[in-house]
Protein backbone atom coordinates (compact mmCIF):
# COMPACT_ATOMS: atom_id res chain seq x y z
CA UNK A 1 37.42 -35.66 3.26
CA UNK A 2 37.88 -32.37 1.43
CA UNK A 3 41.08 -32.11 -0.67
CA UNK A 4 43.66 -29.51 0.25
CA UNK A 5 43.98 -26.51 -2.09
CA UNK A 6 47.14 -27.95 -3.70
CA UNK A 7 45.46 -31.30 -4.37
CA UNK A 8 42.80 -31.75 -7.06
CA UNK A 9 39.55 -33.50 -6.23
CA UNK A 10 38.99 -37.15 -7.12
CA UNK A 11 37.96 -36.28 -10.69
CA UNK A 12 39.95 -33.09 -11.13
CA UNK A 13 39.69 -29.40 -10.34
CA UNK A 14 39.26 -26.24 -12.38
CA UNK A 15 41.26 -23.32 -10.99
CA UNK A 16 41.11 -19.71 -12.08
CA UNK A 17 44.33 -18.61 -13.73
CA UNK A 18 45.66 -15.33 -12.39
CA UNK A 19 47.71 -12.89 -14.40
CA UNK A 20 50.65 -13.50 -12.07
CA UNK A 21 51.48 -16.88 -10.61
CA UNK A 22 53.68 -16.94 -7.53
CA UNK A 23 53.12 -20.48 -6.31
CA UNK A 24 55.54 -23.32 -6.94
CA UNK A 25 54.36 -25.97 -9.42
CA UNK A 26 52.83 -29.10 -7.93
CA UNK A 27 54.50 -32.21 -9.41
CA UNK A 28 51.49 -34.37 -8.41
CA UNK A 29 49.16 -32.41 -10.72
CA UNK A 30 48.88 -32.33 -14.51
CA UNK A 31 47.22 -29.42 -16.34
CA UNK A 32 44.97 -31.16 -18.85
CA UNK A 33 43.49 -28.15 -20.66
CA UNK A 34 42.49 -24.52 -20.26
CA UNK A 35 38.92 -23.24 -20.55
CA UNK A 36 37.97 -19.59 -21.18
CA UNK A 37 34.56 -18.13 -20.33
CA UNK A 38 33.47 -16.54 -23.59
CA UNK A 39 31.34 -13.94 -21.74
CA UNK A 40 33.89 -12.48 -19.30
CA UNK A 41 37.24 -13.89 -20.46
CA UNK A 42 38.17 -15.59 -17.16
CA UNK A 43 40.59 -18.49 -17.74
CA UNK A 44 40.54 -21.75 -15.79
CA UNK A 45 42.92 -24.70 -15.94
CA UNK A 46 41.56 -28.22 -15.59
CA UNK A 47 43.95 -30.28 -13.53
CA UNK A 48 44.03 -33.98 -12.70
CA UNK A 49 46.25 -35.92 -10.35
CA UNK A 50 49.25 -37.11 -12.33
CA UNK A 51 48.56 -40.71 -11.27
CA UNK A 52 45.08 -40.69 -12.86
CA UNK A 53 45.08 -38.16 -15.68
CA UNK A 54 42.48 -38.80 -18.38
CA UNK A 55 42.42 -36.64 -21.53
CA UNK A 56 38.97 -37.84 -22.66
CA UNK A 57 37.48 -37.02 -19.24
CA UNK A 58 39.18 -33.60 -19.28
CA UNK A 59 37.60 -32.84 -22.66
CA UNK A 60 34.13 -33.69 -21.30
CA UNK A 61 34.83 -31.66 -18.16
CA UNK A 62 35.80 -28.66 -20.33
CA UNK A 63 32.39 -28.75 -22.03
CA UNK A 64 30.68 -29.15 -18.63
CA UNK A 65 32.66 -26.18 -17.30
CA UNK A 66 31.70 -23.99 -20.27
CA UNK A 67 28.03 -24.77 -19.54
CA UNK A 68 28.57 -23.94 -15.86
CA UNK A 69 30.03 -20.56 -16.85
CA UNK A 70 26.87 -19.79 -18.85
CA UNK A 71 24.71 -20.60 -15.82
CA UNK A 72 26.92 -18.47 -13.56
CA UNK A 73 26.25 -15.49 -15.84
CA UNK A 74 22.52 -16.22 -16.19
CA UNK A 75 22.22 -16.36 -12.38
CA UNK A 76 24.52 -13.32 -12.04
CA UNK A 77 27.00 -15.27 -9.89
CA UNK A 78 30.75 -14.77 -9.94
CA UNK A 79 32.78 -17.77 -11.05
CA UNK A 80 34.33 -19.46 -8.00
CA UNK A 81 38.14 -19.53 -7.87
CA UNK A 82 38.21 -23.32 -7.65
CA UNK A 83 35.62 -25.82 -8.91
CA UNK A 84 35.56 -29.54 -8.14
CA UNK A 85 34.85 -31.31 -11.42
CA UNK A 86 32.48 -34.25 -11.88
CA UNK A 87 33.59 -37.69 -12.98
CA UNK A 88 32.26 -39.45 -16.09
CA UNK A 89 29.38 -41.08 -14.21
CA UNK A 90 28.30 -37.77 -12.66
CA UNK A 91 27.78 -35.93 -15.96
CA UNK A 92 24.46 -36.47 -17.67
CA UNK A 93 24.64 -38.04 -21.12
CA UNK A 94 21.54 -36.50 -22.69
CA UNK A 95 22.81 -33.16 -23.98
CA UNK A 96 23.64 -32.39 -27.62
CA UNK A 97 27.36 -32.42 -26.85
CA UNK A 98 27.25 -35.46 -24.56
CA UNK A 99 27.08 -33.57 -21.28
């Protein structure tokens, strides 16, 4: 079952931040952190469901997202507007930063 746009995925979602926000805040979602692509400056917020927010997981997801941004640029792909984030068990543990 695919989550609705207002609902983050099971392990969180990264959403592009627009310069103007017109939508009402979702009380079921917590913004854990913001990640900026150092190559193009696009900003994304990492959100978790308020019932299962995890700061340590959000920090690992931020590193994973930064690496994804690098690959997007290498492959000359645009960053998607919304990205389903992996859970702890879905991120590989072999990288120099633990991702």
